[in-house]
Amino acid sequence: MKLYSCLLLALASVVTSSLTAATYTFDTAADYTSNFTAGFTPGTSIAWSNTSPYGNHVAKFDAATNSGYSILNSAAAGTSYTLKADVAFNGAFTATSSSFGFLTNIGTNNGYTAVFRFTGANTADFRVFEGTSATTGAIGTQVNSLQTFTLGGPATWSNTTYYTLNLDVLNTGSSISFTGSILTTGGTVLGTFGTYTETTPLSVSNTIVGFRMGVNSQETVRMDNFSVTAIPEPSTYALIGGAGVLGLALCTRRKRA
């Protein structure tokens, strides 16, 4: 029984680790109306719905040459996380095509936005902006070099297909890094952009996250399954591991006694 108790204590540390990295997914219109707040929208507001000509979606934006965004009402757990969303564009894929961005507003009015664009029949690019405001809608200034990739083989984007956009945000306190990827909704990686690292990051006072939709004339952006996965801090892993080792040590000491 003593050994069994030791194993339970060690297992508890593993469970704690998995809970720390929990994923929260928003996949119904009710999820969004309850948990998100629309921000400054110079064009038509984002529409929440569960129907679409291209399959189910919960967000749609189709204003001409404008953008709209929405932020999660509660702060993301931790300062490092992965953001994902299934996104479809119904317009033509050109250099000024529709775009989708993730807000990583580290401060209330001074954060980042990572923007994905499908810029051609089989190309895409990735930009990171600093100085995003959650109250005025200003996206800020681009801080990374434009990053692009081309789909392999004869593949081309489809404007009736959802693609999963993935952003990994790693904040160490002394730097913040952004890595973007585009996948199929089944999880196959179609392309990954190089990591951009800011060595003088903005002050980590909050962890507001959200999304930004940008469109051109006669185009529509649709989104589904927005999710946030917190990445445990290195110090958290150390504490978890220490708790497990301490538990085993105490159990061993009791057994010897």
C-alpha atoms as a PDB file:
ATOM      1  CA  MET A   1       0.000   0.000   0.000  1.00  0.00           C
ATOM      2  CA  LYS A   2       2.892   2.349   0.778  1.00  0.00           C
ATOM      3  CA  LEU A   3       4.334   1.831  -2.699  1.00  0.00           C
ATOM      4  CA  TYR A   4       0.864   2.331  -4.174  1.00  0.00           C
ATOM      5  CA  SER A   5       0.585   5.673  -2.329  1.00  0.00           C
ATOM      6  CA  CYS A   6       3.976   6.721  -3.660  1.00  0.00           C
ATOM      7  CA  LEU A   7       2.932   5.944  -7.210  1.00  0.00           C
ATOM      8  CA  LEU A   8      -0.280   7.944  -6.735  1.00  0.00           C
ATOM      9  CA  LEU A   9       1.684  10.940  -5.521  1.00  0.00           C
ATOM     10  CA  ALA A  10       4.060  10.738  -8.478  1.00  0.00           C
ATOM     11  CA  LEU A  11       1.095  10.363 -10.855  1.00  0.00           C
ATOM     12  CA  ALA A  12      -0.494  13.461  -9.356  1.00  0.00           C
ATOM     13  CA  SER A  13       2.451  15.498 -10.591  1.00  0.00           C
ATOM     14  CA  VAL A  14       1.883  14.201 -14.131  1.00  0.00           C
ATOM     15  CA  VAL A  15      -1.837  15.009 -13.923  1.00  0.00           C
ATOM     16  CA  THR A  16      -0.985  18.508 -12.706  1.00  0.00           C
ATOM     17  CA  SER A  17       1.266  18.944 -15.734  1.00  0.00           C
ATOM     18  CA  SER A  18      -1.473  17.894 -18.154  1.00  0.00           C
ATOM     19  CA  LEU A  19      -3.980  20.235 -16.506  1.00  0.00           C
ATOM     20  CA  THR A  20      -1.528  23.110 -16.802  1.00  0.00           C
ATOM     21  CA  ALA A  21      -1.425  22.566 -20.585  1.00  0.00           C
ATOM     22  CA  ALA A  22      -5.199  22.295 -21.039  1.00  0.00           C
ATOM     23  CA  THR A  23      -6.747  23.339 -24.351  1.00  0.00           C
ATOM     24  CA  TYR A  24      -9.840  25.527 -24.489  1.00  0.00           C
ATOM     25  CA  THR A  25     -11.781  25.404 -27.767  1.00  0.00           C
ATOM     26  CA  PHE A  26     -14.652  27.651 -28.847  1.00  0.00           C
ATOM     27  CA  ASP A  27     -16.777  26.034 -31.540  1.00  0.00           C
ATOM     28  CA  THR A  28     -20.338  27.366 -31.348  1.00  0.00           C
ATOM     29  CA  ALA A  29     -21.870  30.794 -31.862  1.00  0.00           C
ATOM     30  CA  ALA A  30     -22.923  30.758 -28.196  1.00  0.00           C
ATOM     31  CA  ASP A  31     -19.288  30.207 -27.178  1.00  0.00           C
ATOM     32  CA  TYR A  32     -18.333  33.420 -28.922  1.00  0.00           C
ATOM     33  CA  THR A  33     -21.188  35.625 -27.797  1.00  0.00           C
ATOM     34  CA  SER A  34     -20.516  34.546 -24.202  1.00  0.00           C
ATOM     35  CA  ASN A  35     -16.701  34.655 -24.180  1.00  0.00           C
ATOM     36  CA  PHE A  36     -15.579  37.223 -26.758  1.00  0.00           C
ATOM     37  CA  THR A  37     -15.950  40.980 -27.071  1.00  0.00           C
ATOM     38  CA  ALA A  38     -15.912  42.646 -30.480  1.00  0.00           C
ATOM     39  CA  GLY A  39     -13.363  45.417 -30.691  1.00  0.00           C
ATOM     40  CA  PHE A  40     -13.086  48.478 -32.865  1.00  0.00           C
ATOM     41  CA  THR A  41     -14.561  47.542 -36.264  1.00  0.00           C
ATOM     42  CA  PRO A  42     -14.284  50.130 -39.052  1.00  0.00           C
ATOM     43  CA  GLY A  43     -16.388  48.013 -41.405  1.00  0.00           C
ATOM     44  CA  THR A  44     -19.209  45.510 -40.984  1.00  0.00           C
ATOM     45  CA  SER A  45     -19.201  43.746 -37.617  1.00  0.00           C
ATOM     46  CA  ILE A  46     -18.160  40.132 -37.310  1.00  0.00           C
ATOM     47  CA  ALA A  47     -21.227  37.905 -37.591  1.00  0.00           C
ATOM     48  CA  TRP A  48     -21.650  34.874 -35.320  1.00  0.00           C
ATOM     49  CA  SER A  49     -23.433  31.949 -36.912  1.00  0.00           C
ATOM     50  CA  ASN A  50     -23.404  28.154 -37.167  1.00  0.00           C
ATOM     51  CA  THR A  51     -24.227  27.906 -40.862  1.00  0.00           C
ATOM     52  CA  SER A  52     -22.278  28.626 -44.022  1.00  0.00           C
ATOM     53  CA  PRO A  53     -22.245  27.677 -47.709  1.00  0.00           C
ATOM     54  CA  TYR A  54     -18.796  26.200 -46.976  1.00  0.00           C
ATOM     55  CA  GLY A  55     -19.684  24.154 -43.927  1.00  0.00           C
ATOM     56  CA  ASN A  56     -20.284  25.219 -40.352  1.00  0.00           C
ATOM     57  CA  HIS A  57     -18.570  28.325 -39.011  1.00  0.00           C
ATOM     58  CA  VAL A  58     -18.936  30.576 -36.006  1.00  0.00           C
ATOM     59  CA  ALA A  59     -17.474  33.814 -37.357  1.00  0.00           C
ATOM     60  CA  LYS A  60     -17.852  35.591 -40.681  1.00  0.00           C
ATOM     61  CA  PHE A  61     -16.517  38.933 -41.822  1.00  0.00           C
ATOM     62  CA  ASP A  62     -17.088  40.404 -45.265  1.00  0.00           C
ATOM     63  CA  ALA A  63     -16.619  44.176 -45.248  1.00  0.00           C
ATOM     64  CA  ALA A  64     -14.822  45.739 -48.218  1.00  0.00           C
ATOM     65  CA  THR A  65     -11.182  46.697 -47.556  1.00  0.00           C
ATOM     66  CA  ASN A  66     -11.601  46.781 -43.800  1.00  0.00           C
ATOM     67  CA  SER A  67     -10.916  44.655 -40.762  1.00  0.00           C
ATOM     68  CA  GLY A  68     -12.679  43.556 -37.609  1.00  0.00           C
ATOM     69  CA  TYR A  69     -11.443  41.797 -34.524  1.00  0.00           C
ATOM     70  CA  SER A  70     -12.624  40.173 -31.338  1.00  0.00           C
ATOM     71  CA  ILE A  71     -10.847  39.408 -28.063  1.00  0.00           C
ATOM     72  CA  LEU A  72     -11.308  36.717 -25.444  1.00  0.00           C
ATOM     73  CA  ASN A  73     -12.879  38.189 -22.320  1.00  0.00           C
ATOM     74  CA  SER A  74     -10.513  36.400 -19.943  1.00  0.00           C
ATOM     75  CA  ALA A  75      -6.729  36.364 -20.046  1.00  0.00           C
ATOM     76  CA  ALA A  76      -4.994  33.281 -21.428  1.00  0.00           C
ATOM     77  CA  ALA A  77      -3.355  31.055 -18.829  1.00  0.00           C
ATOM     78  CA  GLY A  78       0.364  31.759 -18.730  1.00  0.00           C
ATOM     79  CA  THR A  79       2.403  33.942 -21.050  1.00  0.00           C
ATOM     80  CA  SER A  80       3.257  31.206 -23.569  1.00  0.00           C
ATOM     81  CA  TYR A  81       0.566  29.436 -25.570  1.00  0.00           C
ATOM     82  CA  THR A  82      -0.562  28.001 -28.889  1.00  0.00           C
ATOM     83  CA  LEU A  83      -3.439  29.615 -30.783  1.00  0.00           C
ATOM     84  CA  LYS A  84      -5.322  27.737 -33.498  1.00  0.00           C
ATOM     85  CA  ALA A  85      -8.309  28.372 -35.755  1.00  0.00           C
ATOM     86  CA  ASP A  86      -9.864  26.755 -38.824  1.00  0.00           C
ATOM     87  CA  VAL A  87     -10.153  29.485 -41.459  1.00  0.00           C
ATOM     88  CA  ALA A  88     -11.613  29.670 -44.989  1.00  0.00           C
ATOM     89  CA  PHE A  89     -11.460  32.487 -47.558  1.00  0.00           C
ATOM     90  CA  ASN A  90     -13.983  32.699 -50.388  1.00  0.00           C
ATOM     91  CA  GLY A  91     -12.211  35.416 -52.393  1.00  0.00           C
ATOM     92  CA  ALA A  92      -9.479  35.257 -54.998  1.00  0.00           C
ATOM     93  CA  PHE A  93      -5.999  34.491 -53.683  1.00  0.00           C
ATOM     94  CA  THR A  94      -3.879  37.511 -54.618  1.00  0.00           C
ATOM     95  CA  ALA A  95      -1.156  39.653 -53.060  1.00  0.00           C
ATOM     96  CA  THR A  96      -3.896  41.716 -51.397  1.00  0.00           C
ATOM     97  CA  SER A  97      -5.953  38.699 -50.425  1.00  0.00           C
ATOM     98  CA  SER A  98      -8.013  38.224 -47.289  1.00  0.00           C
ATOM     99  CA  SER A  99      -6.012  37.784 -44.110  1.00  0.00           C
ATOM    100  CA  PHE A 100      -6.418  36.314 -40.657  1.00  0.00           C
ATOM    101  CA  GLY A 101      -4.430  37.302 -37.596  1.00  0.00           C
ATOM    102  CA  PHE A 102      -4.020  36.194 -34.012  1.00  0.00           C
ATOM    103  CA  LEU A 103      -3.855  38.899 -31.351  1.00  0.00           C
ATOM    104  CA  THR A 104      -1.331  38.247 -28.609  1.00  0.00           C
ATOM    105  CA  ASN A 105      -1.936  41.451 -26.738  1.00  0.00           C
ATOM    106  CA  ILE A 106       0.598  41.086 -23.953  1.00  0.00           C
ATOM    107  CA  GLY A 107      -0.391  44.487 -22.556  1.00  0.00           C
ATOM    108  CA  THR A 108      -3.844  46.064 -22.554  1.00  0.00           C
ATOM    109  CA  ASN A 109      -2.986  48.454 -25.379  1.00  0.00           C
ATOM    110  CA  ASN A 110       0.484  47.393 -26.431  1.00  0.00           C
ATOM    111  CA  GLY A 111       0.707  43.896 -27.841  1.00  0.00           C
ATOM    112  CA  TYR A 112       1.325  41.878 -30.993  1.00  0.00           C
ATOM    113  CA  THR A 113      -0.629  40.557 -33.961  1.00  0.00           C
ATOM    114  CA  ALA A 114       0.585  37.710 -36.187  1.00  0.00           C
ATOM    115  CA  VAL A 115      -1.077  37.875 -39.619  1.00  0.00           C
ATOM    116  CA  PHE A 116      -1.462  35.065 -42.176  1.00  0.00           C
ATOM    117  CA  ARG A 117      -2.283  35.815 -45.826  1.00  0.00           C
ATOM    118  CA  PHE A 118      -2.999  33.429 -48.704  1.00  0.00           C
ATOM    119  CA  THR A 119      -1.320  35.541 -51.379  1.00  0.00           C
ATOM    120  CA  GLY A 120      -1.535  33.401 -54.529  1.00  0.00           C
ATOM    121  CA  ALA A 121      -2.800  30.102 -55.922  1.00  0.00           C
ATOM    122  CA  ASN A 122      -0.276  28.186 -53.789  1.00  0.00           C
ATOM    123  CA  THR A 123       1.603  30.790 -51.715  1.00  0.00           C
ATOM    124  CA  ALA A 124       1.164  32.331 -48.281  1.00  0.00           C
ATOM    125  CA  ASP A 125       2.980  34.831 -46.085  1.00  0.00           C
ATOM    126  CA  PHE A 126       3.346  35.661 -42.409  1.00  0.00           C
ATOM    127  CA  ARG A 127       3.867  39.003 -40.697  1.00  0.00           C
ATOM    128  CA  VAL A 128       4.251  40.052 -37.047  1.00  0.00           C
ATOM    129  CA  PHE A 129       3.152  43.495 -35.862  1.00  0.00           C
ATOM    130  CA  GLU A 130       4.070  45.237 -32.612  1.00  0.00           C
ATOM    131  CA  GLY A 131       1.943  47.849 -30.868  1.00  0.00           C
ATOM    132  CA  THR A 132      -1.507  46.310 -31.318  1.00  0.00           C
ATOM    133  CA  SER A 133      -4.228  48.066 -29.337  1.00  0.00           C
ATOM    134  CA  ALA A 134      -7.184  46.146 -27.910  1.00  0.00           C
ATOM    135  CA  THR A 135      -9.274  49.308 -27.673  1.00  0.00           C
ATOM    136  CA  THR A 136      -8.541  51.283 -30.848  1.00  0.00           C
ATOM    137  CA  GLY A 137      -8.004  48.444 -33.333  1.00  0.00           C
ATOM    138  CA  ALA A 138      -4.598  49.772 -34.444  1.00  0.00           C
ATOM    139  CA  ILE A 139      -2.500  46.820 -35.606  1.00  0.00           C
ATOM    140  CA  GLY A 140       0.853  48.508 -34.987  1.00  0.00           C
ATOM    141  CA  THR A 141       4.104  48.327 -36.960  1.00  0.00           C
ATOM    142  CA  GLN A 142       5.467  45.275 -38.782  1.00  0.00           C
ATOM    143  CA  VAL A 143       8.610  44.081 -36.994  1.00  0.00           C
ATOM    144  CA  ASN A 144       9.656  40.935 -38.863  1.00  0.00           C
ATOM    145  CA  SER A 145      10.833  40.448 -42.419  1.00  0.00           C
ATOM    146  CA  LEU A 146       8.042  39.186 -44.666  1.00  0.00           C
ATOM    147  CA  GLN A 147       8.099  35.374 -44.556  1.00  0.00           C
ATOM    148  CA  THR A 148       6.609  33.254 -47.356  1.00  0.00           C
ATOM    149  CA  PHE A 149       6.183  29.646 -48.377  1.00  0.00           C
ATOM    150  CA  THR A 150       4.871  27.785 -51.419  1.00  0.00           C
ATOM    151  CA  LEU A 151       2.785  24.617 -51.288  1.00  0.00           C
ATOM    152  CA  GLY A 152       4.695  21.580 -52.490  1.00  0.00           C
ATOM    153  CA  GLY A 153       3.754  19.708 -55.662  1.00  0.00           C
ATOM    154  CA  PRO A 154       0.832  20.815 -57.842  1.00  0.00           C
ATOM    155  CA  ALA A 155      -1.358  21.638 -54.849  1.00  0.00           C
ATOM    156  CA  THR A 156      -3.290  24.920 -54.753  1.00  0.00           C
ATOM    157  CA  TRP A 157      -5.465  26.576 -52.149  1.00  0.00           C
ATOM    158  CA  SER A 158      -9.207  26.028 -52.345  1.00  0.00           C
ATOM    159  CA  ASN A 159     -11.567  28.878 -51.473  1.00  0.00           C
ATOM    160  CA  THR A 160     -14.178  26.434 -50.193  1.00  0.00           C
ATOM    161  CA  THR A 161     -11.788  24.596 -47.845  1.00  0.00           C
ATOM    162  CA  TYR A 162     -10.945  25.300 -44.218  1.00  0.00           C
ATOM    163  CA  TYR A 163      -7.269  25.359 -43.242  1.00  0.00           C
ATOM    164  CA  THR A 164      -5.911  25.290 -39.698  1.00  0.00           C
ATOM    165  CA  LEU A 165      -3.778  28.309 -38.838  1.00  0.00           C
ATOM    166  CA  ASN A 166      -1.417  27.707 -35.901  1.00  0.00           C
ATOM    167  CA  LEU A 167       0.596  30.234 -33.905  1.00  0.00           C
ATOM    168  CA  ASP A 168       3.087  29.224 -31.200  1.00  0.00           C
ATOM    169  CA  VAL A 169       3.949  32.035 -28.779  1.00  0.00           C
ATOM    170  CA  LEU A 170       6.891  31.456 -26.432  1.00  0.00           C
ATOM    171  CA  ASN A 171       7.592  34.150 -23.864  1.00  0.00           C
ATOM    172  CA  THR A 172      10.634  33.711 -21.625  1.00  0.00           C
ATOM    173  CA  GLY A 173      10.398  37.162 -20.062  1.00  0.00           C
ATOM    174  CA  SER A 174      13.585  38.281 -21.817  1.00  0.00           C
ATOM    175  CA  SER A 175      12.307  37.451 -25.325  1.00  0.00           C
ATOM    176  CA  ILE A 176       9.097  36.531 -27.128  1.00  0.00           C
ATOM    177  CA  SER A 177       8.972  34.278 -30.207  1.00  0.00           C
ATOM    178  CA  PHE A 178       6.293  33.662 -32.834  1.00  0.00           C
ATOM    179  CA  THR A 179       6.116  30.635 -35.152  1.00  0.00           C
ATOM    180  CA  GLY A 180       3.290  30.292 -37.673  1.00  0.00           C
ATOM    181  CA  SER A 181       2.126  27.180 -39.524  1.00  0.00           C
ATOM    182  CA  ILE A 182      -0.670  26.278 -41.937  1.00  0.00           C
ATOM    183  CA  LEU A 183      -2.152  22.786 -41.697  1.00  0.00           C
ATOM    184  CA  THR A 184      -5.064  20.821 -43.029  1.00  0.00           C
ATOM    185  CA  THR A 185      -7.908  20.459 -40.545  1.00  0.00           C
ATOM    186  CA  GLY A 186      -6.767  16.848 -40.240  1.00  0.00           C
ATOM    187  CA  GLY A 187      -3.395  17.982 -38.868  1.00  0.00           C
ATOM    188  CA  THR A 188      -1.109  17.613 -41.910  1.00  0.00           C
ATOM    189  CA  VAL A 189       1.433  20.456 -41.984  1.00  0.00           C
ATOM    190  CA  LEU A 190       1.323  22.271 -45.321  1.00  0.00           C
ATOM    191  CA  GLY A 191       3.961  24.838 -44.450  1.00  0.00           C
ATOM    192  CA  THR A 192       5.735  26.475 -41.519  1.00  0.00           C
ATOM    193  CA  PHE A 193       7.237  29.952 -41.347  1.00  0.00           C
ATOM    194  CA  GLY A 194      10.516  30.710 -39.641  1.00  0.00           C
ATOM    195  CA  THR A 195      10.408  31.802 -36.010  1.00  0.00           C
ATOM    196  CA  TYR A 196      10.523  35.521 -35.345  1.00  0.00           C
ATOM    197  CA  THR A 197      12.012  36.448 -31.965  1.00  0.00           C
ATOM    198  CA  GLU A 198      11.723  39.840 -30.308  1.00  0.00           C
ATOM    199  CA  THR A 199      14.660  40.242 -27.913  1.00  0.00           C
ATOM    200  CA  THR A 200      13.228  43.356 -26.256  1.00  0.00           C
ATOM    201  CA  PRO A 201       9.630  42.242 -25.694  1.00  0.00           C
ATOM    202  CA  LEU A 202       6.797  44.402 -24.526  1.00  0.00           C
ATOM    203  CA  SER A 203       6.040  44.312 -20.827  1.00  0.00           C
ATOM    204  CA  VAL A 204       4.142  41.174 -19.809  1.00  0.00           C
ATOM    205  CA  SER A 205       1.270  42.692 -17.841  1.00  0.00           C
ATOM    206  CA  ASN A 206      -1.612  40.753 -19.346  1.00  0.00           C
ATOM    207  CA  THR A 207      -2.188  37.926 -21.799  1.00  0.00           C
ATOM    208  CA  ILE A 208      -5.127  39.060 -23.919  1.00  0.00           C
ATOM    209  CA  VAL A 209      -5.652  36.902 -27.001  1.00  0.00           C
ATOM    210  CA  GLY A 210      -8.070  37.110 -29.901  1.00  0.00           C
ATOM    211  CA  PHE A 211      -8.308  37.175 -33.671  1.00  0.00           C
ATOM    212  CA  ARG A 212      -8.407  39.690 -36.510  1.00  0.00           C
ATOM    213  CA  MET A 213     -10.155  39.303 -39.874  1.00  0.00           C
ATOM    214  CA  GLY A 214      -9.153  41.421 -42.843  1.00  0.00           C
ATOM    215  CA  VAL A 215     -10.826  41.389 -46.238  1.00  0.00           C
ATOM    216  CA  ASN A 216     -10.886  43.037 -49.630  1.00  0.00           C
ATOM    217  CA  SER A 217     -13.879  43.797 -51.837  1.00  0.00           C
ATOM    218  CA  GLN A 218     -16.272  40.879 -52.392  1.00  0.00           C
ATOM    219  CA  GLU A 219     -14.304  38.526 -50.151  1.00  0.00           C
ATOM    220  CA  THR A 220     -15.337  36.757 -46.974  1.00  0.00           C
ATOM    221  CA  VAL A 221     -13.355  35.227 -44.119  1.00  0.00           C
ATOM    222  CA  ARG A 222     -14.904  32.403 -42.096  1.00  0.00           C
ATOM    223  CA  MET A 223     -13.573  30.856 -38.894  1.00  0.00           C
ATOM    224  CA  ASP A 224     -14.313  27.880 -36.664  1.00  0.00           C
ATOM    225  CA  ASN A 225     -12.729  26.075 -33.683  1.00  0.00           C
ATOM    226  CA  PHE A 226     -10.661  28.864 -32.159  1.00  0.00           C
ATOM    227  CA  SER A 227      -8.511  27.310 -29.418  1.00  0.00           C
ATOM    228  CA  VAL A 228      -5.961  28.326 -26.801  1.00  0.00           C
ATOM    229  CA  THR A 229      -3.458  25.898 -25.301  1.00  0.00           C
ATOM    230  CA  ALA A 230      -1.303  27.206 -22.467  1.00  0.00           C
ATOM    231  CA  ILE A 231       2.344  26.120 -22.523  1.00  0.00           C
ATOM    232  CA  PRO A 232       3.653  25.550 -18.975  1.00  0.00           C
ATOM    233  CA  GLU A 233       6.508  27.806 -17.963  1.00  0.00           C
ATOM    234  CA  PRO A 234       9.904  26.116 -17.388  1.00  0.00           C
ATOM    235  CA  SER A 235       9.613  26.991 -13.698  1.00  0.00           C
ATOM    236  CA  THR A 236       6.282  25.147 -13.563  1.00  0.00           C
ATOM    237  CA  TYR A 237       7.898  21.982 -14.892  1.00  0.00           C
ATOM    238  CA  ALA A 238      10.619  22.308 -12.278  1.00  0.00           C
ATOM    239  CA  LEU A 239       8.071  22.673  -9.478  1.00  0.00           C
ATOM    240  CA  ILE A 240       6.050  19.726 -10.784  1.00  0.00           C
ATOM    241  CA  GLY A 241       9.113  17.536 -11.074  1.00  0.00           C
ATOM    242  CA  GLY A 242      10.301  18.615  -7.635  1.00  0.00           C
ATOM    243  CA  ALA A 243       6.933  17.733  -6.116  1.00  0.00           C
ATOM    244  CA  GLY A 244       7.099  14.259  -7.618  1.00  0.00           C
ATOM    245  CA  VAL A 245      10.662  13.657  -6.414  1.00  0.00           C
ATOM    246  CA  LEU A 246       9.815  14.996  -2.955  1.00  0.00           C
ATOM    247  CA  GLY A 247       6.785  12.716  -2.750  1.00  0.00           C
ATOM    248  CA  LEU A 248       8.826   9.647  -3.668  1.00  0.00           C
ATOM    249  CA  ALA A 249      11.542  10.651  -1.208  1.00  0.00           C
ATOM    250  CA  LEU A 250       9.029  11.032   1.631  1.00  0.00           C
ATOM    251  CA  CYS A 251       7.458   7.678   0.800  1.00  0.00           C
ATOM    252  CA  THR A 252      10.872   6.008   0.769  1.00  0.00           C
ATOM    253  CA  ARG A 253      11.758   7.576   4.110  1.00  0.00           C
ATOM    254  CA  ARG A 254       8.470   6.347   5.640  1.00  0.00           C
ATOM    255  CA  LYS A 255       9.107   2.853   4.353  1.00  0.00           C
ATOM    256  CA  ARG A 256      12.585   2.736   5.878  1.00  0.00           C
ATOM    257  CA  ALA A 257      11.261   4.075   9.161  1.00  0.00           C
END
